[in-house]
Each structure stands twice: as structure tokens, then as C-alpha cells.
Amino acid sequence: GGFDVDIDARDIGAATSVPDLQRRTNATI
């Protein structure tokens, strides 16, 4: 279990507004 499903945290962490964050989070999920 050392390797989990990859999450592009860079995408979520780069959000600069609430709509941008929601779009990036939905795309990541």
C-alpha cells in the first residue's frame, strides 16, 4: 500500500478563486 492513486495536488493548489477551485476539484475527482 505504499503507492496510492495519483492526485494532481498542483492543480487544486493552484486555484485562485472559489469557482476555479470547484472546477479543478471536480476535474481531479
PDB file of all heavy atoms in Angstrom:
ATOM      1  N   GLY A   1       0.788  -1.224   0.000  1.00  0.00           N
ATOM      2  CA  GLY A   1       0.000   0.000   0.000  1.00  0.00           C
ATOM      3  C   GLY A   1       0.814   1.264   0.000  1.00  0.00           C
ATOM      4  O   GLY A   1       0.310   2.333   0.337  1.00  0.00           O
ATOM      5  N   GLY A   2       2.100   1.173  -0.392  1.00  0.00           N
ATOM      6  CA  GLY A   2       2.934   2.363  -0.399  1.00  0.00           C
ATOM      7  C   GLY A   2       2.628   3.305  -1.539  1.00  0.00           C
ATOM      8  O   GLY A   2       3.005   4.457  -1.508  1.00  0.00           O
ATOM      9  N   PHE A   3       1.983   2.815  -2.596  1.00  0.00           N
ATOM     10  CA  PHE A   3       1.674   3.664  -3.741  1.00  0.00           C
ATOM     11  C   PHE A   3       0.157   3.796  -3.852  1.00  0.00           C
ATOM     12  O   PHE A   3      -0.547   2.817  -4.035  1.00  0.00           O
ATOM     13  CB  PHE A   3       2.218   3.047  -5.038  1.00  0.00           C
ATOM     14  CG  PHE A   3       3.714   2.968  -5.068  1.00  0.00           C
ATOM     15  CD1 PHE A   3       4.376   1.873  -4.559  1.00  0.00           C
ATOM     16  CD2 PHE A   3       4.450   4.003  -5.595  1.00  0.00           C
ATOM     17  CE1 PHE A   3       5.754   1.803  -4.592  1.00  0.00           C
ATOM     18  CE2 PHE A   3       5.831   3.942  -5.635  1.00  0.00           C
ATOM     19  CZ  PHE A   3       6.482   2.841  -5.124  1.00  0.00           C
ATOM     20  N   ASP A   4      -0.341   4.996  -3.739  1.00  0.00           N
ATOM     21  CA  ASP A   4      -1.770   5.254  -3.830  1.00  0.00           C
ATOM     22  C   ASP A   4      -2.099   5.858  -5.183  1.00  0.00           C
ATOM     23  O   ASP A   4      -1.232   6.191  -5.973  1.00  0.00           O
ATOM     24  CB  ASP A   4      -2.210   6.208  -2.713  1.00  0.00           C
ATOM     25  CG  ASP A   4      -2.101   5.544  -1.350  1.00  0.00           C
ATOM     26  OD1 ASP A   4      -2.401   4.344  -1.277  1.00  0.00           O
ATOM     27  OD2 ASP A   4      -1.708   6.222  -0.400  1.00  0.00           O
ATOM     28  N   VAL A   5      -3.386   6.001  -5.411  1.00  0.00           N
ATOM     29  CA  VAL A   5      -3.838   6.640  -6.639  1.00  0.00           C
ATOM     30  C   VAL A   5      -3.267   8.049  -6.702  1.00  0.00           C
ATOM     31  O   VAL A   5      -3.291   8.791  -5.719  1.00  0.00           O
ATOM     32  CB  VAL A   5      -5.376   6.692  -6.683  1.00  0.00           C
ATOM     33  CG1 VAL A   5      -5.849   7.407  -7.941  1.00  0.00           C
ATOM     34  CG2 VAL A   5      -5.939   5.275  -6.648  1.00  0.00           C
ATOM     35  N   ASP A   6      -2.735   8.410  -7.860  1.00  0.00           N
ATOM     36  CA  ASP A   6      -2.096   9.712  -8.019  1.00  0.00           C
ATOM     37  C   ASP A   6      -3.127  10.835  -7.945  1.00  0.00           C
ATOM     38  O   ASP A   6      -4.185  10.755  -8.549  1.00  0.00           O
ATOM     39  CB  ASP A   6      -1.373   9.748  -9.369  1.00  0.00           C
ATOM     40  CG  ASP A   6      -0.567  11.020  -9.541  1.00  0.00           C
ATOM     41  OD1 ASP A   6      -0.211  11.622  -8.522  1.00  0.00           O
ATOM     42  OD2 ASP A   6      -0.309  11.385 -10.704  1.00  0.00           O
ATOM     43  N   ILE A   7      -2.797  11.871  -7.194  1.00  0.00           N
ATOM     44  CA  ILE A   7      -3.631  13.070  -7.116  1.00  0.00           C
ATOM     45  C   ILE A   7      -2.792  14.243  -7.589  1.00  0.00           C
ATOM     46  O   ILE A   7      -1.683  14.461  -7.097  1.00  0.00           O
ATOM     47  CB  ILE A   7      -4.109  13.341  -5.670  1.00  0.00           C
ATOM     48  CG1 ILE A   7      -5.006  12.212  -5.201  1.00  0.00           C
ATOM     49  CG2 ILE A   7      -4.845  14.663  -5.589  1.00  0.00           C
ATOM     50  CD1 ILE A   7      -5.455  12.381  -3.778  1.00  0.00           C
ATOM     51  N   ASP A   8      -3.294  14.995  -8.541  1.00  0.00           N
ATOM     52  CA  ASP A   8      -2.561  16.155  -9.015  1.00  0.00           C
ATOM     53  C   ASP A   8      -2.844  17.319  -8.073  1.00  0.00           C
ATOM     54  O   ASP A   8      -3.665  18.197  -8.347  1.00  0.00           O
ATOM     55  CB  ASP A   8      -2.965  16.495 -10.447  1.00  0.00           C
ATOM     56  CG  ASP A   8      -1.966  17.446 -11.090  1.00  0.00           C
ATOM     57  OD1 ASP A   8      -1.109  17.967 -10.342  1.00  0.00           O
ATOM     58  OD2 ASP A   8      -2.035  17.656 -12.302  1.00  0.00           O
ATOM     59  N   ALA A   9      -2.146  17.330  -6.931  1.00  0.00           N
ATOM     60  CA  ALA A   9      -2.350  18.382  -5.937  1.00  0.00           C
ATOM     61  C   ALA A   9      -1.930  19.743  -6.470  1.00  0.00           C
ATOM     62  O   ALA A   9      -2.363  20.774  -5.972  1.00  0.00           O
ATOM     63  CB  ALA A   9      -1.572  18.055  -4.661  1.00  0.00           C
ATOM     64  N   ARG A  10      -1.046  19.744  -7.502  1.00  0.00           N
ATOM     65  CA  ARG A  10      -0.667  21.027  -8.089  1.00  0.00           C
ATOM     66  C   ARG A  10      -1.881  21.726  -8.690  1.00  0.00           C
ATOM     67  O   ARG A  10      -2.000  22.945  -8.637  1.00  0.00           O
ATOM     68  CB  ARG A  10       0.390  20.796  -9.181  1.00  0.00           C
ATOM     69  CG  ARG A  10       1.724  20.328  -8.638  1.00  0.00           C
ATOM     70  CD  ARG A  10       2.673  19.987  -9.764  1.00  0.00           C
ATOM     71  NE  ARG A  10       2.236  18.804 -10.489  1.00  0.00           N
ATOM     72  CZ  ARG A  10       2.967  18.189 -11.422  1.00  0.00           C
ATOM     73  NH1 ARG A  10       4.146  18.682 -11.758  1.00  0.00           N
ATOM     74  NH2 ARG A  10       2.530  17.109 -12.022  1.00  0.00           N
ATOM     75  N   ASP A  11      -2.781  20.960  -9.279  1.00  0.00           N
ATOM     76  CA  ASP A  11      -3.950  21.539  -9.929  1.00  0.00           C
ATOM     77  C   ASP A  11      -4.859  22.204  -8.908  1.00  0.00           C
ATOM     78  O   ASP A  11      -5.280  23.348  -9.063  1.00  0.00           O
ATOM     79  CB  ASP A  11      -4.700  20.447 -10.694  1.00  0.00           C
ATOM     80  CG  ASP A  11      -5.632  21.032 -11.742  1.00  0.00           C
ATOM     81  OD1 ASP A  11      -5.418  22.186 -12.124  1.00  0.00           O
ATOM     82  OD2 ASP A  11      -6.571  20.341 -12.156  1.00  0.00           O
ATOM     83  N   ILE A  12      -5.173  21.490  -7.812  1.00  0.00           N
ATOM     84  CA  ILE A  12      -6.035  22.048  -6.779  1.00  0.00           C
ATOM     85  C   ILE A  12      -5.335  23.205  -6.079  1.00  0.00           C
ATOM     86  O   ILE A  12      -5.937  24.244  -5.805  1.00  0.00           O
ATOM     87  CB  ILE A  12      -6.436  20.946  -5.774  1.00  0.00           C
ATOM     88  CG1 ILE A  12      -7.288  19.883  -6.471  1.00  0.00           C
ATOM     89  CG2 ILE A  12      -7.169  21.542  -4.585  1.00  0.00           C
ATOM     90  CD1 ILE A  12      -7.637  18.704  -5.607  1.00  0.00           C
ATOM     91  N   GLY A  13      -4.059  23.047  -5.791  1.00  0.00           N
ATOM     92  CA  GLY A  13      -3.321  24.080  -5.061  1.00  0.00           C
ATOM     93  C   GLY A  13      -3.087  25.344  -5.851  1.00  0.00           C
ATOM     94  O   GLY A  13      -2.716  26.373  -5.275  1.00  0.00           O
ATOM     95  N   ALA A  14      -3.308  25.295  -7.167  1.00  0.00           N
ATOM     96  CA  ALA A  14      -3.107  26.491  -7.994  1.00  0.00           C
ATOM     97  C   ALA A  14      -4.371  27.329  -8.126  1.00  0.00           C
ATOM     98  O   ALA A  14      -4.340  28.390  -8.760  1.00  0.00           O
ATOM     99  CB  ALA A  14      -2.616  26.079  -9.378  1.00  0.00           C
ATOM    100  N   ALA A  15      -5.496  26.879  -7.553  1.00  0.00           N
ATOM    101  CA  ALA A  15      -6.760  27.622  -7.678  1.00  0.00           C
ATOM    102  C   ALA A  15      -6.649  28.985  -7.008  1.00  0.00           C
ATOM    103  O   ALA A  15      -6.089  29.124  -5.921  1.00  0.00           O
ATOM    104  CB  ALA A  15      -7.891  26.817  -7.060  1.00  0.00           C
ATOM    105  N   THR A  16      -7.209  30.007  -7.650  1.00  0.00           N
ATOM    106  CA  THR A  16      -7.137  31.374  -7.125  1.00  0.00           C
ATOM    107  C   THR A  16      -8.499  31.966  -6.789  1.00  0.00           C
ATOM    108  O   THR A  16      -8.581  33.088  -6.302  1.00  0.00           O
ATOM    109  CB  THR A  16      -6.438  32.289  -8.153  1.00  0.00           C
ATOM    110  OG1 THR A  16      -7.149  32.226  -9.398  1.00  0.00           O
ATOM    111  CG2 THR A  16      -4.991  31.856  -8.360  1.00  0.00           C
ATOM    112  N   SER A  17      -9.590  31.221  -7.068  1.00  0.00           N
ATOM    113  CA  SER A  17     -10.930  31.698  -6.748  1.00  0.00           C
ATOM    114  C   SER A  17     -11.810  30.493  -6.448  1.00  0.00           C
ATOM    115  O   SER A  17     -11.453  29.348  -6.753  1.00  0.00           O
ATOM    116  CB  SER A  17     -11.522  32.506  -7.907  1.00  0.00           C
ATOM    117  OG  SER A  17     -11.704  31.675  -9.046  1.00  0.00           O
ATOM    118  N   VAL A  18     -12.984  30.764  -5.841  1.00  0.00           N
ATOM    119  CA  VAL A  18     -13.886  29.665  -5.492  1.00  0.00           C
ATOM    120  C   VAL A  18     -14.373  28.915  -6.728  1.00  0.00           C
ATOM    121  O   VAL A  18     -14.325  27.677  -6.761  1.00  0.00           O
ATOM    122  CB  VAL A  18     -15.077  30.197  -4.664  1.00  0.00           C
ATOM    123  CG1 VAL A  18     -16.092  29.072  -4.421  1.00  0.00           C
ATOM    124  CG2 VAL A  18     -14.582  30.763  -3.332  1.00  0.00           C
ATOM    125  N   PRO A  19     -14.846  29.586  -7.783  1.00  0.00           N
ATOM    126  CA  PRO A  19     -15.256  28.836  -8.981  1.00  0.00           C
ATOM    127  C   PRO A  19     -14.102  28.043  -9.597  1.00  0.00           C
ATOM    128  O   PRO A  19     -14.292  26.905 -10.043  1.00  0.00           O
ATOM    129  CB  PRO A  19     -15.757  29.930  -9.932  1.00  0.00           C
ATOM    130  CG  PRO A  19     -16.126  31.072  -9.051  1.00  0.00           C
ATOM    131  CD  PRO A  19     -15.150  31.026  -7.936  1.00  0.00           C
ATOM    132  N   ASP A  20     -12.906  28.647  -9.609  1.00  0.00           N
ATOM    133  CA  ASP A  20     -11.740  27.948 -10.149  1.00  0.00           C
ATOM    134  C   ASP A  20     -11.426  26.715  -9.321  1.00  0.00           C
ATOM    135  O   ASP A  20     -11.111  25.638  -9.855  1.00  0.00           O
ATOM    136  CB  ASP A  20     -10.547  28.905 -10.165  1.00  0.00           C
ATOM    137  CG  ASP A  20      -9.317  28.282 -10.823  1.00  0.00           C
ATOM    138  OD1 ASP A  20      -9.490  27.445 -11.734  1.00  0.00           O
ATOM    139  OD2 ASP A  20      -8.189  28.634 -10.429  1.00  0.00           O
ATOM    140  N   LEU A  21     -11.529  26.821  -8.008  1.00  0.00           N
ATOM    141  CA  LEU A  21     -11.266  25.685  -7.128  1.00  0.00           C
ATOM    142  C   LEU A  21     -12.286  24.574  -7.353  1.00  0.00           C
ATOM    143  O   LEU A  21     -11.929  23.391  -7.408  1.00  0.00           O
ATOM    144  CB  LEU A  21     -11.291  26.145  -5.665  1.00  0.00           C
ATOM    145  CG  LEU A  21     -11.106  25.052  -4.611  1.00  0.00           C
ATOM    146  CD1 LEU A  21      -9.754  24.359  -4.766  1.00  0.00           C
ATOM    147  CD2 LEU A  21     -11.258  25.636  -3.206  1.00  0.00           C
ATOM    148  N   GLN A  22     -13.556  24.926  -7.481  1.00  0.00           N
ATOM    149  CA  GLN A  22     -14.585  23.909  -7.714  1.00  0.00           C
ATOM    150  C   GLN A  22     -14.355  23.184  -9.035  1.00  0.00           C
ATOM    151  O   GLN A  22     -14.495  21.971  -9.110  1.00  0.00           O
ATOM    152  CB  GLN A  22     -15.965  24.580  -7.693  1.00  0.00           C
ATOM    153  CG  GLN A  22     -16.377  25.097  -6.323  1.00  0.00           C
ATOM    154  CD  GLN A  22     -17.664  25.881  -6.353  1.00  0.00           C
ATOM    155  OE1 GLN A  22     -18.126  26.302  -7.429  1.00  0.00           O
ATOM    156  NE2 GLN A  22     -18.270  26.088  -5.182  1.00  0.00           N
ATOM    157  N   ARG A  23     -13.979  23.951 -10.062  1.00  0.00           N
ATOM    158  CA  ARG A  23     -13.727  23.321 -11.366  1.00  0.00           C
ATOM    159  C   ARG A  23     -12.532  22.365 -11.283  1.00  0.00           C
ATOM    160  O   ARG A  23     -12.602  21.237 -11.784  1.00  0.00           O
ATOM    161  CB  ARG A  23     -13.454  24.408 -12.411  1.00  0.00           C
ATOM    162  CG  ARG A  23     -13.144  23.874 -13.809  1.00  0.00           C
ATOM    163  CD  ARG A  23     -12.790  24.987 -14.750  1.00  0.00           C
ATOM    164  NE  ARG A  23     -11.605  25.721 -14.328  1.00  0.00           N
ATOM    165  CZ  ARG A  23     -10.359  25.276 -14.520  1.00  0.00           C
ATOM    166  NH1 ARG A  23     -10.147  24.101 -15.117  1.00  0.00           N
ATOM    167  NH2 ARG A  23      -9.334  25.994 -14.119  1.00  0.00           N
ATOM    168  N   ARG A  24     -11.447  22.799 -10.643  1.00  0.00           N
ATOM    169  CA  ARG A  24     -10.258  21.966 -10.543  1.00  0.00           C
ATOM    170  C   ARG A  24     -10.513  20.725  -9.688  1.00  0.00           C
ATOM    171  O   ARG A  24     -10.042  19.629 -10.000  1.00  0.00           O
ATOM    172  CB  ARG A  24      -9.097  22.773  -9.958  1.00  0.00           C
ATOM    173  CG  ARG A  24      -8.576  23.870 -10.883  1.00  0.00           C
ATOM    174  CD  ARG A  24      -7.578  24.768 -10.146  1.00  0.00           C
ATOM    175  NE  ARG A  24      -7.081  25.842 -10.984  1.00  0.00           N
ATOM    176  CZ  ARG A  24      -5.986  25.770 -11.743  1.00  0.00           C
ATOM    177  NH1 ARG A  24      -5.275  24.657 -11.754  1.00  0.00           N
ATOM    178  NH2 ARG A  24      -5.597  26.807 -12.470  1.00  0.00           N
ATOM    179  N   THR A  25     -11.267  20.901  -8.596  1.00  0.00           N
ATOM    180  CA  THR A  25     -11.574  19.757  -7.724  1.00  0.00           C
ATOM    181  C   THR A  25     -12.437  18.733  -8.446  1.00  0.00           C
ATOM    182  O   THR A  25     -12.172  17.522  -8.377  1.00  0.00           O
ATOM    183  CB  THR A  25     -12.291  20.239  -6.451  1.00  0.00           C
ATOM    184  OG1 THR A  25     -11.493  21.213  -5.797  1.00  0.00           O
ATOM    185  CG2 THR A  25     -12.541  19.070  -5.510  1.00  0.00           C
ATOM    186  N   ASN A  26     -13.459  19.182  -9.142  1.00  0.00           N
ATOM    187  CA  ASN A  26     -14.316  18.255  -9.895  1.00  0.00           C
ATOM    188  C   ASN A  26     -13.530  17.510 -10.971  1.00  0.00           C
ATOM    189  O   ASN A  26     -13.736  16.309 -11.189  1.00  0.00           O
ATOM    190  CB  ASN A  26     -15.486  19.016 -10.527  1.00  0.00           C
ATOM    191  CG  ASN A  26     -16.452  19.553  -9.486  1.00  0.00           C
ATOM    192  OD1 ASN A  26     -16.542  19.025  -8.378  1.00  0.00           O
ATOM    193  ND2 ASN A  26     -17.175  20.616  -9.821  1.00  0.00           N
ATOM    194  N   ALA A  27     -12.623  18.235 -11.644  1.00  0.00           N
ATOM    195  CA  ALA A  27     -11.821  17.588 -12.683  1.00  0.00           C
ATOM    196  C   ALA A  27     -10.889  16.544 -12.083  1.00  0.00           C
ATOM    197  O   ALA A  27     -10.700  15.456 -12.651  1.00  0.00           O
ATOM    198  CB  ALA A  27     -11.027  18.642 -13.449  1.00  0.00           C
ATOM    199  N   THR A  28     -10.304  16.848 -10.925  1.00  0.00           N
ATOM    200  CA  THR A  28      -9.409  15.895 -10.265  1.00  0.00           C
ATOM    201  C   THR A  28     -10.163  14.644  -9.836  1.00  0.00           C
ATOM    202  O   THR A  28      -9.708  13.516 -10.034  1.00  0.00           O
ATOM    203  CB  THR A  28      -8.739  16.554  -9.045  1.00  0.00           C
ATOM    204  OG1 THR A  28      -7.965  17.666  -9.481  1.00  0.00           O
ATOM    205  CG2 THR A  28      -7.839  15.568  -8.324  1.00  0.00           C
ATOM    206  N   ILE A  29     -11.346  14.822  -9.228  1.00  0.00           N
ATOM    207  CA  ILE A  29     -12.148  13.673  -8.789  1.00  0.00           C
ATOM    208  C   ILE A  29     -12.581  12.839  -9.991  1.00  0.00           C
ATOM    209  O   ILE A  29     -12.587  11.595  -9.932  1.00  0.00           O
ATOM    210  CB  ILE A  29     -13.363  14.157  -7.971  1.00  0.00           C
ATOM    211  CG1 ILE A  29     -12.887  14.754  -6.642  1.00  0.00           C
ATOM    212  CG2 ILE A  29     -14.346  13.013  -7.724  1.00  0.00           C
ATOM    213  CD1 ILE A  29     -13.995  15.370  -5.812  1.00  0.00           C
TER     214      ILE A  29
END
